[in-house]
Protein backbone atom coordinates (compact mmCIF):
# COMPACT_ATOMS: atom_id res chain seq x y z
CA MET A 1 1.42 -2.79 -2.50
CA ASN A 2 0.93 -3.19 1.22
CA LEU A 3 -2.79 -3.21 2.33
CA VAL A 4 -2.03 0.00 4.62
CA GLU A 5 -0.38 1.86 1.61
CA ARG A 6 -3.50 0.97 -0.47
CA TRP A 7 -5.69 2.27 2.45
CA PHE A 8 -3.86 5.51 2.64
CA GLY A 9 -4.07 5.82 -1.14
CA HIS A 10 -7.81 5.46 -0.93
CA LEU A 11 -8.01 8.06 1.88
CA ASP A 12 -5.72 10.55 -0.35
CA SER A 13 -7.72 10.03 -3.56
CA LYS A 14 -11.20 10.22 -1.88
CA ALA A 15 -10.67 12.86 0.97
CA ILE A 16 -7.58 14.73 0.92
CA ARG A 17 -7.05 15.62 -2.88
CA ARG A 18 -10.52 16.70 -3.30
CA GLY A 19 -10.37 19.28 -0.53
CA VAL A 20 -8.88 22.56 0.39
CA PHE A 21 -7.36 22.79 3.85
CA LEU A 22 -6.35 26.08 5.36
CA SER A 23 -4.72 24.51 8.60
CA VAL A 24 -3.79 21.20 9.93
CA ALA A 25 -6.96 21.13 11.94
CA ASP A 26 -8.91 21.36 8.80
CA LEU A 27 -7.12 18.42 7.29
CA GLN A 28 -7.60 16.48 10.49
CA ALA A 29 -11.29 17.25 10.45
CA ALA A 30 -11.50 16.11 6.82
CA ILE A 31 -9.79 12.84 7.65
CA GLU A 32 -11.92 12.24 10.74
CA ALA A 33 -15.23 12.63 8.64
CA PHE A 34 -13.88 10.33 5.94
CA LEU A 35 -13.15 7.69 8.69
CA GLN A 36 -16.68 8.18 10.22
CA ALA A 37 -18.41 7.92 6.85
CA ARG A 38 -16.28 4.89 5.93
CA ASN A 39 -17.12 3.12 9.36
CA GLN A 40 -20.77 3.72 8.78
CA ASN A 41 -20.81 1.01 5.86
CA PRO A 42 -17.55 -0.96 6.35
CA GLN A 43 -16.64 -3.18 3.34
CA PRO A 44 -14.16 -6.07 3.67
CA PHE A 45 -11.16 -6.15 1.45
CA LEU A 46 -11.74 -8.55 -1.31
CA TRP A 47 -8.61 -9.93 -2.91
CA THR A 48 -9.29 -10.27 -6.57
CA ALA A 49 -5.77 -11.14 -7.78
CA THR A 50 -4.98 -14.91 -8.26
CA ILE A 51 -1.96 -16.55 -6.87
CA GLU A 52 -0.61 -17.24 -10.31
CA SER A 53 -0.86 -13.50 -11.45
CA ILE A 54 0.89 -12.44 -8.13
CA GLN A 55 3.65 -15.26 -8.55
CA GLU A 56 4.02 -14.07 -12.26
CA LYS A 57 4.58 -10.37 -11.11
CA ILE A 58 7.04 -11.50 -8.50
CA THR A 59 9.01 -13.39 -11.08
CA ARG A 60 9.04 -10.38 -13.45
CA CYS A 61 10.15 -8.14 -10.68
CA ARG A 62 13.00 -10.41 -9.63
CA ARG A 63 14.17 -10.82 -13.37
CA THR A 64 14.11 -6.89 -13.71
CA LEU A 65 15.92 -6.33 -10.45
CA GLU A 66 18.65 -9.07 -11.53
CA GLN A 67 19.20 -7.19 -14.74
CA ILE A 68 19.62 -3.89 -12.82
CA GLN A 69 21.85 -5.29 -10.09
CA PRO A 70 22.79 -8.88 -10.45
CA GLY A 71 22.60 -10.96 -7.19
CA CYS A 72 20.19 -8.49 -5.43
CA THR A 73 17.44 -11.09 -5.16
CA SER A 74 19.60 -13.87 -3.79
CA PRO A 75 18.80 -14.85 -0.34
CA LYS A 76 21.30 -13.17 2.23
CA SER A 77 22.83 -15.14 5.06
CA ARG A 78 22.02 -13.68 8.40
CA LYS A 79 24.49 -13.86 11.37
CA ARG A 80 22.98 -15.58 14.45
CA LYS A 81 23.33 -13.89 17.79
CA GLN A 82 25.18 -15.82 20.13
């Protein structure tokens, strides 16, 4: 998962799903309030996965994708612009 996707997932679970919004303006206000509260006490992103666990997941993913569509994980050659 991409870091940006993770952040939006956090926004969704902490601010959006818990609220009721009667208008887009209400939703925007809730997002703004969430951002202001989060920026009051910013926390750095701490990567907790090990390199080995990430590589293992990539290997499993490639193996699964190859079972579904053989050759899909092979490097593709790109045509160079002249």
